[in-house]
Amino acid sequence: MQFKPFAPGIEVNGQTAYAILDGFKDFEQLASKFLLLEGIGTRGPAGLAIIEPEGWYKQAAWLRAFENIAKQIGDRVLFQIGVAIPRNAKFPPFVVDVVSAIRSIDIAYHMNHRKDGVTLFDPKTGQMSEGIGHYGCEVIPDKNMIVSVCNNPYPCAFDRGILTAMAQRFDPTSAVAHDDAAPCRKNGGESCTYMVTWRG
């Protein structure tokens, strides 16, 4: 289900939180309103939210900002915020093609969240901790296709934006389609399923 944290004590880093401002492009004042309403960032001299890149913000508050954006503006902006995530969040260095790009999303997701002050992925040990769900990556043999089951508390359109941006970074022919026959978080499901395809 969208917008509800899976566990208490989860925080998201400032670099990632900034994606809401980036995703709104020329409407930073409006984006700032959604963030500041939830206590994310501080109000700058021009009324814009100032997000500390090395800071940490409550995931519950960030999800409420997403929920308000969904209610007041809709999926188009949620998708654009998702597209902005790869420009702002930290990603592992092994990303070289569509498959490794989609595979890296789950690691990056955990690198940019922490629980009770401890980051959920340690690059030194490769240890991943639970508490926020996952981004799946099932490569379909003999096809340029990946099935990604995303079971996390973020919006459906937002995840489609992340998958699209990561795939198109390495192959502009790539496309991401929501599997409408599978459960959807917008309808109360625990996950959404996306099909990533590319010509190669």
N, C-alpha and C. Protein backbone atom coordinates (compact mmCIF):
# COMPACT_ATOMS: atom_id res chain seq x y z
N MET A 1 0.84 -1.19 0.00
CA MET A 1 0.00 0.00 0.00
C MET A 1 0.88 1.25 0.00
N GLN A 2 0.47 2.24 -0.75
CA GLN A 2 1.24 3.47 -0.88
C GLN A 2 1.18 4.32 0.39
N PHE A 3 2.27 5.06 0.64
CA PHE A 3 2.34 6.16 1.61
C PHE A 3 2.42 5.73 3.07
N LYS A 4 2.47 4.45 3.38
CA LYS A 4 2.52 4.00 4.77
C LYS A 4 3.86 3.30 5.04
N PRO A 5 4.69 3.84 5.96
CA PRO A 5 5.98 3.21 6.24
C PRO A 5 5.80 1.76 6.69
N PHE A 6 6.77 0.93 6.31
CA PHE A 6 6.74 -0.48 6.70
C PHE A 6 7.20 -0.68 8.15
N ALA A 7 7.98 0.25 8.66
CA ALA A 7 8.55 0.11 10.01
C ALA A 7 8.79 1.50 10.58
N PRO A 8 8.79 1.63 11.91
CA PRO A 8 9.10 2.92 12.53
C PRO A 8 10.60 3.21 12.46
N GLY A 9 10.97 4.46 12.65
CA GLY A 9 12.38 4.83 12.73
C GLY A 9 13.11 4.91 11.41
N ILE A 10 12.37 4.90 10.28
CA ILE A 10 13.01 4.97 8.96
C ILE A 10 13.20 6.43 8.56
N GLU A 11 14.38 6.73 8.01
CA GLU A 11 14.68 8.06 7.50
C GLU A 11 15.22 7.97 6.08
N VAL A 12 15.05 9.05 5.32
CA VAL A 12 15.57 9.14 3.96
C VAL A 12 16.58 10.28 3.93
N ASN A 13 17.66 10.12 3.14
CA ASN A 13 18.69 11.16 3.15
C ASN A 13 18.27 12.37 2.32
N GLY A 14 18.96 13.48 2.58
CA GLY A 14 18.61 14.75 1.96
C GLY A 14 18.76 14.75 0.45
N GLN A 15 19.79 14.07 -0.05
CA GLN A 15 19.97 14.01 -1.51
C GLN A 15 18.74 13.43 -2.18
N THR A 16 18.18 12.39 -1.59
CA THR A 16 17.00 11.75 -2.15
C THR A 16 15.76 12.63 -1.97
N ALA A 17 15.61 13.20 -0.79
CA ALA A 17 14.45 14.06 -0.51
C ALA A 17 14.40 15.25 -1.48
N TYR A 18 15.56 15.71 -1.93
CA TYR A 18 15.63 16.85 -2.85
C TYR A 18 14.93 16.54 -4.18
N ALA A 19 14.76 15.27 -4.50
CA ALA A 19 14.14 14.90 -5.78
C ALA A 19 12.75 15.49 -5.95
N ILE A 20 12.04 15.75 -4.85
CA ILE A 20 10.72 16.38 -4.98
C ILE A 20 10.87 17.78 -5.59
N LEU A 21 11.85 18.54 -5.11
CA LEU A 21 12.09 19.87 -5.70
C LEU A 21 12.51 19.75 -7.16
N ASP A 22 13.41 18.80 -7.43
CA ASP A 22 13.91 18.60 -8.80
C ASP A 22 12.77 18.16 -9.72
N GLY A 23 11.91 17.29 -9.24
CA GLY A 23 10.82 16.77 -10.06
C GLY A 23 9.77 17.80 -10.42
N PHE A 24 9.65 18.85 -9.60
CA PHE A 24 8.69 19.91 -9.89
C PHE A 24 9.23 20.94 -10.88
N LYS A 25 10.52 20.85 -11.18
CA LYS A 25 11.19 21.74 -12.14
C LYS A 25 10.95 23.21 -11.84
N ASP A 26 10.14 23.90 -12.63
CA ASP A 26 9.96 25.35 -12.48
C ASP A 26 8.95 25.73 -11.39
N PHE A 27 8.45 24.75 -10.67
CA PHE A 27 7.44 25.05 -9.65
C PHE A 27 7.98 24.73 -8.25
N GLU A 28 9.21 25.21 -7.99
CA GLU A 28 9.86 24.92 -6.71
C GLU A 28 9.08 25.48 -5.53
N GLN A 29 8.40 26.60 -5.73
CA GLN A 29 7.62 27.20 -4.64
C GLN A 29 6.53 26.24 -4.19
N LEU A 30 5.87 25.61 -5.14
CA LEU A 30 4.81 24.65 -4.82
C LEU A 30 5.41 23.40 -4.17
N ALA A 31 6.51 22.91 -4.72
CA ALA A 31 7.18 21.74 -4.13
C ALA A 31 7.61 22.05 -2.70
N SER A 32 8.14 23.24 -2.49
CA SER A 32 8.58 23.65 -1.15
C SER A 32 7.43 23.63 -0.17
N LYS A 33 6.26 24.04 -0.63
CA LYS A 33 5.07 24.05 0.23
C LYS A 33 4.78 22.65 0.76
N PHE A 34 4.82 21.65 -0.14
CA PHE A 34 4.55 20.27 0.27
C PHE A 34 5.59 19.77 1.26
N LEU A 35 6.86 20.09 1.02
CA LEU A 35 7.92 19.62 1.91
C LEU A 35 7.88 20.32 3.26
N LEU A 36 7.78 21.64 3.26
CA LEU A 36 7.80 22.40 4.51
C LEU A 36 6.60 22.08 5.38
N LEU A 37 5.46 21.79 4.75
CA LEU A 37 4.26 21.42 5.49
C LEU A 37 4.51 20.18 6.36
N GLU A 38 5.41 19.30 5.89
CA GLU A 38 5.72 18.06 6.61
C GLU A 38 7.02 18.17 7.43
N GLY A 39 7.57 19.38 7.52
CA GLY A 39 8.77 19.57 8.33
C GLY A 39 10.04 19.09 7.65
N ILE A 40 10.02 18.99 6.33
CA ILE A 40 11.20 18.55 5.59
C ILE A 40 11.92 19.78 5.06
N GLY A 41 13.14 20.00 5.54
CA GLY A 41 13.91 21.16 5.14
C GLY A 41 13.56 22.38 5.97
N THR A 42 14.25 23.48 5.67
CA THR A 42 13.99 24.75 6.35
C THR A 42 13.64 25.78 5.29
N ARG A 43 12.87 26.78 5.70
CA ARG A 43 12.43 27.82 4.77
C ARG A 43 13.58 28.78 4.50
N GLY A 44 13.95 28.94 3.24
CA GLY A 44 14.99 29.87 2.84
C GLY A 44 14.45 31.27 2.67
N PRO A 45 15.34 32.23 2.36
CA PRO A 45 14.92 33.63 2.25
C PRO A 45 13.84 33.85 1.19
N ALA A 46 13.84 33.07 0.13
CA ALA A 46 12.84 33.24 -0.94
C ALA A 46 11.60 32.38 -0.69
N GLY A 47 11.53 31.75 0.47
CA GLY A 47 10.39 30.89 0.79
C GLY A 47 10.54 29.47 0.28
N LEU A 48 11.69 29.19 -0.37
CA LEU A 48 11.93 27.84 -0.88
C LEU A 48 12.51 26.94 0.20
N ALA A 49 12.18 25.65 0.13
CA ALA A 49 12.72 24.69 1.09
C ALA A 49 14.21 24.48 0.83
N ILE A 50 14.98 24.53 1.88
CA ILE A 50 16.41 24.22 1.80
C ILE A 50 16.59 22.82 2.39
N ILE A 51 17.06 21.90 1.55
CA ILE A 51 17.29 20.51 1.97
C ILE A 51 18.78 20.31 2.15
N GLU A 52 19.17 19.82 3.30
CA GLU A 52 20.58 19.52 3.57
C GLU A 52 20.93 18.18 2.91
N PRO A 53 21.85 18.16 1.92
CA PRO A 53 22.17 16.91 1.23
C PRO A 53 22.62 15.79 2.17
N GLU A 54 23.33 16.14 3.22
CA GLU A 54 23.82 15.12 4.16
C GLU A 54 22.86 14.93 5.33
N GLY A 55 21.73 15.63 5.31
CA GLY A 55 20.76 15.49 6.39
C GLY A 55 19.90 14.25 6.22
N TRP A 56 19.12 13.95 7.24
CA TRP A 56 18.20 12.82 7.20
C TRP A 56 16.82 13.30 7.63
N TYR A 57 15.79 12.80 6.94
CA TYR A 57 14.41 13.25 7.16
C TYR A 57 13.51 12.04 7.36
N LYS A 58 12.49 12.20 8.18
CA LYS A 58 11.59 11.08 8.48
C LYS A 58 10.88 10.61 7.23
N GLN A 59 10.94 9.29 7.00
CA GLN A 59 10.28 8.73 5.83
C GLN A 59 8.77 8.96 5.90
N ALA A 60 8.20 8.86 7.09
CA ALA A 60 6.75 9.05 7.23
C ALA A 60 6.34 10.44 6.74
N ALA A 61 7.15 11.45 7.05
CA ALA A 61 6.85 12.81 6.60
C ALA A 61 7.00 12.92 5.08
N TRP A 62 8.04 12.29 4.53
CA TRP A 62 8.27 12.34 3.08
C TRP A 62 7.11 11.65 2.35
N LEU A 63 6.64 10.53 2.90
CA LEU A 63 5.51 9.82 2.30
C LEU A 63 4.23 10.65 2.37
N ARG A 64 4.05 11.41 3.46
CA ARG A 64 2.88 12.29 3.54
C ARG A 64 2.95 13.38 2.47
N ALA A 65 4.16 13.87 2.21
CA ALA A 65 4.33 14.86 1.14
C ALA A 65 3.92 14.25 -0.20
N PHE A 66 4.35 13.01 -0.45
CA PHE A 66 3.95 12.31 -1.68
C PHE A 66 2.43 12.16 -1.75
N GLU A 67 1.82 11.80 -0.63
CA GLU A 67 0.37 11.59 -0.62
C GLU A 67 -0.37 12.89 -0.94
N ASN A 68 0.10 14.00 -0.38
CA ASN A 68 -0.53 15.29 -0.67
C ASN A 68 -0.35 15.68 -2.13
N ILE A 69 0.83 15.40 -2.68
CA ILE A 69 1.08 15.68 -4.10
C ILE A 69 0.14 14.85 -4.97
N ALA A 70 0.00 13.56 -4.61
CA ALA A 70 -0.89 12.67 -5.37
C ALA A 70 -2.32 13.19 -5.36
N LYS A 71 -2.80 13.63 -4.19
CA LYS A 71 -4.19 14.09 -4.07
C LYS A 71 -4.41 15.39 -4.81
N GLN A 72 -3.44 16.30 -4.71
CA GLN A 72 -3.67 17.65 -5.23
C GLN A 72 -3.21 17.85 -6.68
N ILE A 73 -2.23 17.05 -7.11
CA ILE A 73 -1.69 17.25 -8.47
C ILE A 73 -1.81 16.01 -9.34
N GLY A 74 -1.45 14.85 -8.80
CA GLY A 74 -1.64 13.62 -9.56
C GLY A 74 -0.36 12.89 -9.94
N ASP A 75 -0.55 11.82 -10.71
CA ASP A 75 0.53 10.88 -11.02
C ASP A 75 1.62 11.47 -11.92
N ARG A 76 1.28 12.43 -12.75
CA ARG A 76 2.28 12.96 -13.69
C ARG A 76 3.49 13.53 -12.95
N VAL A 77 3.23 14.27 -11.89
CA VAL A 77 4.33 14.85 -11.11
C VAL A 77 5.04 13.77 -10.32
N LEU A 78 4.31 12.80 -9.79
CA LEU A 78 4.95 11.68 -9.07
C LEU A 78 5.93 10.96 -9.99
N PHE A 79 5.53 10.76 -11.25
CA PHE A 79 6.40 10.13 -12.23
C PHE A 79 7.67 10.97 -12.43
N GLN A 80 7.51 12.29 -12.57
CA GLN A 80 8.66 13.17 -12.78
C GLN A 80 9.60 13.19 -11.58
N ILE A 81 9.04 13.08 -10.38
CA ILE A 81 9.89 13.00 -9.18
C ILE A 81 10.70 11.71 -9.23
N GLY A 82 10.07 10.61 -9.65
CA GLY A 82 10.78 9.34 -9.81
C GLY A 82 11.91 9.45 -10.82
N VAL A 83 11.64 10.12 -11.95
CA VAL A 83 12.66 10.33 -12.97
C VAL A 83 13.85 11.11 -12.39
N ALA A 84 13.56 12.01 -11.44
CA ALA A 84 14.62 12.84 -10.84
C ALA A 84 15.48 12.07 -9.84
N ILE A 85 15.00 10.95 -9.32
CA ILE A 85 15.75 10.22 -8.28
C ILE A 85 17.16 9.85 -8.73
N PRO A 86 17.37 9.25 -9.91
CA PRO A 86 18.75 8.89 -10.29
C PRO A 86 19.69 10.09 -10.42
N ARG A 87 19.15 11.29 -10.61
CA ARG A 87 20.00 12.49 -10.67
C ARG A 87 20.43 12.93 -9.29
N ASN A 88 19.75 12.46 -8.24
CA ASN A 88 19.99 12.97 -6.90
C ASN A 88 20.49 11.94 -5.90
N ALA A 89 20.00 10.71 -5.98
CA ALA A 89 20.37 9.69 -5.00
C ALA A 89 21.73 9.06 -5.33
N LYS A 90 22.32 8.42 -4.34
CA LYS A 90 23.58 7.68 -4.54
C LYS A 90 23.27 6.34 -5.18
N PHE A 91 24.09 5.94 -6.16
CA PHE A 91 23.93 4.63 -6.81
C PHE A 91 25.27 3.90 -6.78
N PRO A 92 25.26 2.57 -6.73
CA PRO A 92 26.52 1.81 -6.73
C PRO A 92 27.27 1.96 -8.05
N PRO A 93 28.59 1.72 -8.04
CA PRO A 93 29.43 1.98 -9.22
C PRO A 93 29.38 0.93 -10.32
N PHE A 94 28.72 -0.21 -10.10
CA PHE A 94 28.79 -1.29 -11.09
C PHE A 94 27.78 -1.16 -12.22
N VAL A 95 27.05 -0.06 -12.29
CA VAL A 95 25.98 0.10 -13.26
C VAL A 95 26.55 0.43 -14.64
N VAL A 96 26.35 -0.49 -15.61
CA VAL A 96 26.93 -0.32 -16.95
C VAL A 96 25.93 -0.57 -18.08
N ASP A 97 24.75 -1.16 -17.78
CA ASP A 97 23.77 -1.47 -18.80
C ASP A 97 22.39 -1.52 -18.17
N VAL A 98 21.36 -1.83 -18.97
CA VAL A 98 19.99 -1.81 -18.45
C VAL A 98 19.83 -2.80 -17.30
N VAL A 99 20.35 -4.02 -17.46
CA VAL A 99 20.17 -5.04 -16.41
C VAL A 99 20.82 -4.60 -15.11
N SER A 100 22.07 -4.16 -15.16
CA SER A 100 22.74 -3.74 -13.92
C SER A 100 22.09 -2.47 -13.37
N ALA A 101 21.55 -1.63 -14.25
CA ALA A 101 20.87 -0.41 -13.78
C ALA A 101 19.64 -0.76 -12.96
N ILE A 102 18.80 -1.67 -13.48
CA ILE A 102 17.59 -2.05 -12.75
C ILE A 102 17.96 -2.83 -11.49
N ARG A 103 18.97 -3.68 -11.58
CA ARG A 103 19.42 -4.45 -10.42
C ARG A 103 19.94 -3.53 -9.31
N SER A 104 20.53 -2.40 -9.71
CA SER A 104 21.14 -1.50 -8.72
C SER A 104 20.11 -0.71 -7.92
N ILE A 105 18.88 -0.62 -8.42
CA ILE A 105 17.88 0.23 -7.76
C ILE A 105 17.64 -0.22 -6.32
N ASP A 106 17.54 -1.53 -6.09
CA ASP A 106 17.26 -2.01 -4.74
C ASP A 106 18.42 -1.67 -3.79
N ILE A 107 19.65 -1.80 -4.29
CA ILE A 107 20.81 -1.45 -3.46
C ILE A 107 20.80 0.04 -3.16
N ALA A 108 20.60 0.85 -4.21
CA ALA A 108 20.57 2.30 -4.02
C ALA A 108 19.45 2.70 -3.06
N TYR A 109 18.32 2.06 -3.19
CA TYR A 109 17.18 2.33 -2.31
C TYR A 109 17.58 2.15 -0.84
N HIS A 110 18.28 1.07 -0.56
CA HIS A 110 18.70 0.80 0.82
C HIS A 110 19.87 1.71 1.24
N MET A 111 20.72 2.11 0.30
CA MET A 111 21.82 3.01 0.61
C MET A 111 21.31 4.39 1.05
N ASN A 112 20.15 4.78 0.56
CA ASN A 112 19.62 6.11 0.80
C ASN A 112 18.57 6.17 1.90
N HIS A 113 18.40 5.07 2.61
CA HIS A 113 17.50 5.03 3.76
C HIS A 113 18.26 4.47 4.97
N ARG A 114 17.81 4.85 6.13
CA ARG A 114 18.39 4.26 7.35
C ARG A 114 17.28 4.02 8.37
N LYS A 115 17.58 3.11 9.30
CA LYS A 115 16.64 2.79 10.37
C LYS A 115 17.37 2.95 11.69
N ASP A 116 16.78 3.73 12.57
CA ASP A 116 17.37 3.99 13.88
C ASP A 116 18.83 4.43 13.76
N GLY A 117 19.11 5.25 12.73
CA GLY A 117 20.44 5.83 12.55
C GLY A 117 21.43 4.96 11.80
N VAL A 118 21.03 3.77 11.36
CA VAL A 118 21.95 2.86 10.66
C VAL A 118 21.49 2.70 9.21
N THR A 119 22.38 3.03 8.25
CA THR A 119 22.05 2.91 6.83
C THR A 119 21.71 1.46 6.50
N LEU A 120 20.71 1.25 5.65
CA LEU A 120 20.19 -0.09 5.40
C LEU A 120 21.01 -0.91 4.38
N PHE A 121 22.03 -0.29 3.78
CA PHE A 121 22.97 -1.07 2.97
C PHE A 121 24.38 -0.57 3.25
N ASP A 122 25.25 -1.52 3.58
CA ASP A 122 26.65 -1.19 3.85
C ASP A 122 27.49 -1.62 2.66
N PRO A 123 28.01 -0.67 1.85
CA PRO A 123 28.77 -1.04 0.66
C PRO A 123 30.06 -1.80 0.97
N LYS A 124 30.59 -1.62 2.16
CA LYS A 124 31.84 -2.31 2.53
C LYS A 124 31.62 -3.80 2.74
N THR A 125 30.49 -4.14 3.36
CA THR A 125 30.22 -5.55 3.67
C THR A 125 29.22 -6.19 2.72
N GLY A 126 28.47 -5.35 1.98
CA GLY A 126 27.40 -5.87 1.13
C GLY A 126 26.17 -6.27 1.92
N GLN A 127 26.13 -5.92 3.20
CA GLN A 127 25.03 -6.30 4.08
C GLN A 127 23.82 -5.38 3.87
N MET A 128 22.67 -5.98 3.60
CA MET A 128 21.43 -5.23 3.43
C MET A 128 20.48 -5.56 4.58
N SER A 129 19.90 -4.53 5.18
CA SER A 129 18.94 -4.72 6.27
C SER A 129 17.53 -4.48 5.76
N GLU A 130 16.57 -5.03 6.47
CA GLU A 130 15.16 -4.95 6.06
C GLU A 130 14.46 -3.77 6.71
N GLY A 131 13.24 -3.50 6.24
CA GLY A 131 12.42 -2.48 6.87
C GLY A 131 11.74 -1.53 5.89
N ILE A 132 12.13 -1.60 4.60
CA ILE A 132 11.55 -0.66 3.62
C ILE A 132 11.04 -1.34 2.36
N GLY A 133 11.11 -2.67 2.29
CA GLY A 133 10.68 -3.37 1.08
C GLY A 133 11.79 -3.41 0.04
N HIS A 134 11.42 -3.76 -1.20
CA HIS A 134 12.44 -3.99 -2.24
C HIS A 134 11.96 -3.58 -3.62
N TYR A 135 12.94 -3.44 -4.51
CA TYR A 135 12.72 -3.29 -5.95
C TYR A 135 13.27 -4.57 -6.60
N GLY A 136 12.39 -5.38 -7.19
CA GLY A 136 12.81 -6.64 -7.77
C GLY A 136 13.44 -6.48 -9.14
N CYS A 137 14.17 -7.52 -9.55
CA CYS A 137 14.79 -7.52 -10.88
C CYS A 137 14.91 -8.96 -11.36
N GLU A 138 13.89 -9.43 -12.08
CA GLU A 138 13.92 -10.78 -12.66
C GLU A 138 14.16 -10.64 -14.16
N VAL A 139 15.34 -11.08 -14.59
CA VAL A 139 15.70 -11.00 -16.01
C VAL A 139 15.07 -12.19 -16.74
N ILE A 140 14.32 -11.92 -17.78
CA ILE A 140 13.66 -12.97 -18.55
C ILE A 140 14.65 -13.51 -19.59
N PRO A 141 14.97 -14.82 -19.54
CA PRO A 141 15.96 -15.38 -20.47
C PRO A 141 15.56 -15.21 -21.93
N ASP A 142 16.58 -14.96 -22.77
CA ASP A 142 16.42 -14.85 -24.22
C ASP A 142 15.48 -13.72 -24.67
N LYS A 143 15.25 -12.76 -23.78
CA LYS A 143 14.44 -11.60 -24.14
C LYS A 143 15.09 -10.37 -23.52
N ASN A 144 14.93 -9.24 -24.17
CA ASN A 144 15.34 -7.98 -23.56
C ASN A 144 14.20 -7.51 -22.67
N MET A 145 14.05 -8.23 -21.55
CA MET A 145 12.93 -7.93 -20.65
C MET A 145 13.31 -8.21 -19.20
N ILE A 146 12.88 -7.32 -18.34
CA ILE A 146 13.03 -7.49 -16.89
C ILE A 146 11.65 -7.31 -16.28
N VAL A 147 11.30 -8.18 -15.35
CA VAL A 147 10.09 -8.00 -14.55
C VAL A 147 10.54 -7.48 -13.19
N SER A 148 10.03 -6.33 -12.81
CA SER A 148 10.39 -5.72 -11.53
C SER A 148 9.16 -5.62 -10.64
N VAL A 149 9.15 -6.43 -9.57
CA VAL A 149 8.08 -6.36 -8.58
C VAL A 149 8.56 -5.41 -7.48
N CYS A 150 7.84 -4.33 -7.29
CA CYS A 150 8.23 -3.31 -6.31
C CYS A 150 7.26 -3.36 -5.14
N ASN A 151 7.76 -3.85 -4.01
CA ASN A 151 6.94 -3.86 -2.79
C ASN A 151 7.59 -2.91 -1.79
N ASN A 152 7.16 -1.68 -1.85
CA ASN A 152 7.66 -0.64 -0.96
C ASN A 152 6.53 0.37 -0.74
N PRO A 153 6.70 1.32 0.17
CA PRO A 153 5.59 2.23 0.47
C PRO A 153 5.48 3.45 -0.45
N TYR A 154 6.26 3.48 -1.52
CA TYR A 154 6.26 4.65 -2.40
C TYR A 154 5.17 4.54 -3.47
N PRO A 155 4.80 5.66 -4.10
CA PRO A 155 3.71 5.62 -5.08
C PRO A 155 4.08 4.86 -6.35
N CYS A 156 3.07 4.25 -6.94
CA CYS A 156 3.22 3.47 -8.16
C CYS A 156 3.88 4.29 -9.28
N ALA A 157 3.37 5.49 -9.54
CA ALA A 157 3.90 6.32 -10.63
C ALA A 157 5.34 6.75 -10.37
N PHE A 158 5.68 6.98 -9.12
CA PHE A 158 7.04 7.33 -8.73
C PHE A 158 8.01 6.21 -9.09
N ASP A 159 7.66 4.98 -8.76
CA ASP A 159 8.53 3.84 -9.08
C ASP A 159 8.68 3.65 -10.58
N ARG A 160 7.60 3.86 -11.32
CA ARG A 160 7.69 3.77 -12.79
C ARG A 160 8.67 4.81 -13.33
N GLY A 161 8.70 5.98 -12.71
CA GLY A 161 9.64 7.01 -13.11
C GLY A 161 11.08 6.62 -12.85
N ILE A 162 11.35 6.03 -11.68
CA ILE A 162 12.71 5.57 -11.36
C ILE A 162 13.17 4.53 -12.36
N LEU A 163 12.33 3.51 -12.58
CA LEU A 163 12.68 2.43 -13.51
C LEU A 163 12.92 2.98 -14.92
N THR A 164 12.08 3.90 -15.35
CA THR A 164 12.21 4.49 -16.68
C THR A 164 13.52 5.24 -16.82
N ALA A 165 13.84 6.09 -15.84
CA ALA A 165 15.07 6.88 -15.90
C ALA A 165 16.31 6.00 -15.90
N MET A 166 16.32 4.97 -15.08
CA MET A 166 17.50 4.09 -15.01
C MET A 166 17.67 3.29 -16.30
N ALA A 167 16.58 2.77 -16.85
CA ALA A 167 16.68 1.98 -18.09
C ALA A 167 17.09 2.87 -19.26
N GLN A 168 16.48 4.04 -19.37
CA GLN A 168 16.77 4.90 -20.52
C GLN A 168 18.15 5.55 -20.44
N ARG A 169 18.74 5.56 -19.27
CA ARG A 169 20.11 6.06 -19.16
C ARG A 169 21.06 5.21 -20.00
N PHE A 170 20.76 3.92 -20.13
CA PHE A 170 21.66 3.00 -20.84
C PHE A 170 21.12 2.53 -22.18
N ASP A 171 19.82 2.70 -22.42
CA ASP A 171 19.26 2.34 -23.71
C ASP A 171 18.02 3.20 -23.95
N PRO A 172 18.13 4.19 -24.84
CA PRO A 172 17.00 5.10 -25.06
C PRO A 172 15.77 4.42 -25.66
N THR A 173 15.91 3.18 -26.14
CA THR A 173 14.75 2.47 -26.68
C THR A 173 13.93 1.80 -25.58
N SER A 174 14.41 1.82 -24.37
CA SER A 174 13.74 1.09 -23.29
C SER A 174 12.41 1.74 -22.93
N ALA A 175 11.50 0.90 -22.45
CA ALA A 175 10.18 1.37 -22.02
C ALA A 175 9.78 0.58 -20.77
N VAL A 176 8.93 1.20 -19.97
CA VAL A 176 8.46 0.56 -18.74
C VAL A 176 6.94 0.57 -18.76
N ALA A 177 6.35 -0.61 -18.60
CA ALA A 177 4.89 -0.74 -18.58
C ALA A 177 4.45 -1.35 -17.25
N HIS A 178 3.39 -0.83 -16.70
CA HIS A 178 2.79 -1.38 -15.48
C HIS A 178 1.99 -2.61 -15.87
N ASP A 179 2.15 -3.70 -15.12
CA ASP A 179 1.37 -4.92 -15.36
C ASP A 179 0.01 -4.76 -14.69
N ASP A 180 -0.98 -4.40 -15.47
CA ASP A 180 -2.30 -4.12 -14.92
C ASP A 180 -3.02 -5.38 -14.43
N ALA A 181 -2.51 -6.56 -14.79
CA ALA A 181 -3.12 -7.81 -14.32
C ALA A 181 -2.63 -8.18 -12.93
N ALA A 182 -1.54 -7.55 -12.49
CA ALA A 182 -0.97 -7.82 -11.17
C ALA A 182 -1.55 -6.84 -10.15
N PRO A 183 -1.34 -7.11 -8.85
CA PRO A 183 -1.80 -6.16 -7.83
C PRO A 183 -1.17 -4.78 -8.04
N CYS A 184 -1.82 -3.76 -7.51
CA CYS A 184 -1.28 -2.39 -7.60
C CYS A 184 -1.47 -1.70 -6.26
N ARG A 185 -0.44 -0.99 -5.82
CA ARG A 185 -0.51 -0.28 -4.54
C ARG A 185 -1.59 0.80 -4.54
N LYS A 186 -1.89 1.37 -5.70
CA LYS A 186 -2.94 2.40 -5.76
C LYS A 186 -4.29 1.80 -5.39
N ASN A 187 -4.44 0.50 -5.59
CA ASN A 187 -5.70 -0.18 -5.29
C ASN A 187 -5.63 -1.01 -4.01
N GLY A 188 -4.63 -0.69 -3.16
CA GLY A 188 -4.51 -1.39 -1.89
C GLY A 188 -3.62 -2.61 -1.91
N GLY A 189 -3.00 -2.92 -3.05
CA GLY A 189 -2.09 -4.06 -3.13
C GLY A 189 -0.78 -3.79 -2.39
N GLU A 190 -0.03 -4.85 -2.14
CA GLU A 190 1.24 -4.71 -1.42
C GLU A 190 2.40 -4.40 -2.36
N SER A 191 2.17 -4.56 -3.67
CA SER A 191 3.25 -4.34 -4.63
C SER A 191 2.67 -3.93 -5.97
N CYS A 192 3.56 -3.45 -6.84
CA CYS A 192 3.23 -3.23 -8.25
C CYS A 192 4.26 -3.97 -9.07
N THR A 193 3.88 -4.39 -10.27
CA THR A 193 4.79 -5.11 -11.16
C THR A 193 4.94 -4.32 -12.46
N TYR A 194 6.19 -4.18 -12.86
CA TYR A 194 6.51 -3.43 -14.09
C TYR A 194 7.32 -4.31 -15.03
N MET A 195 7.11 -4.12 -16.32
CA MET A 195 7.88 -4.83 -17.33
C MET A 195 8.78 -3.82 -18.03
N VAL A 196 10.09 -4.03 -17.92
CA VAL A 196 11.07 -3.17 -18.57
C VAL A 196 11.53 -3.88 -19.84
N THR A 197 11.39 -3.22 -20.98
CA THR A 197 11.81 -3.83 -22.26
C THR A 197 12.70 -2.84 -23.01
N TRP A 198 13.55 -3.39 -23.87
CA TRP A 198 14.42 -2.56 -24.70
C TRP A 198 14.80 -3.34 -25.95
N ARG A 199 15.17 -2.62 -27.01
CA ARG A 199 15.50 -3.28 -28.27
C ARG A 199 16.89 -3.89 -28.24
N GLY A 200 17.81 -3.25 -27.55
CA GLY A 200 19.18 -3.79 -27.45
C GLY A 200 20.04 -3.49 -28.64
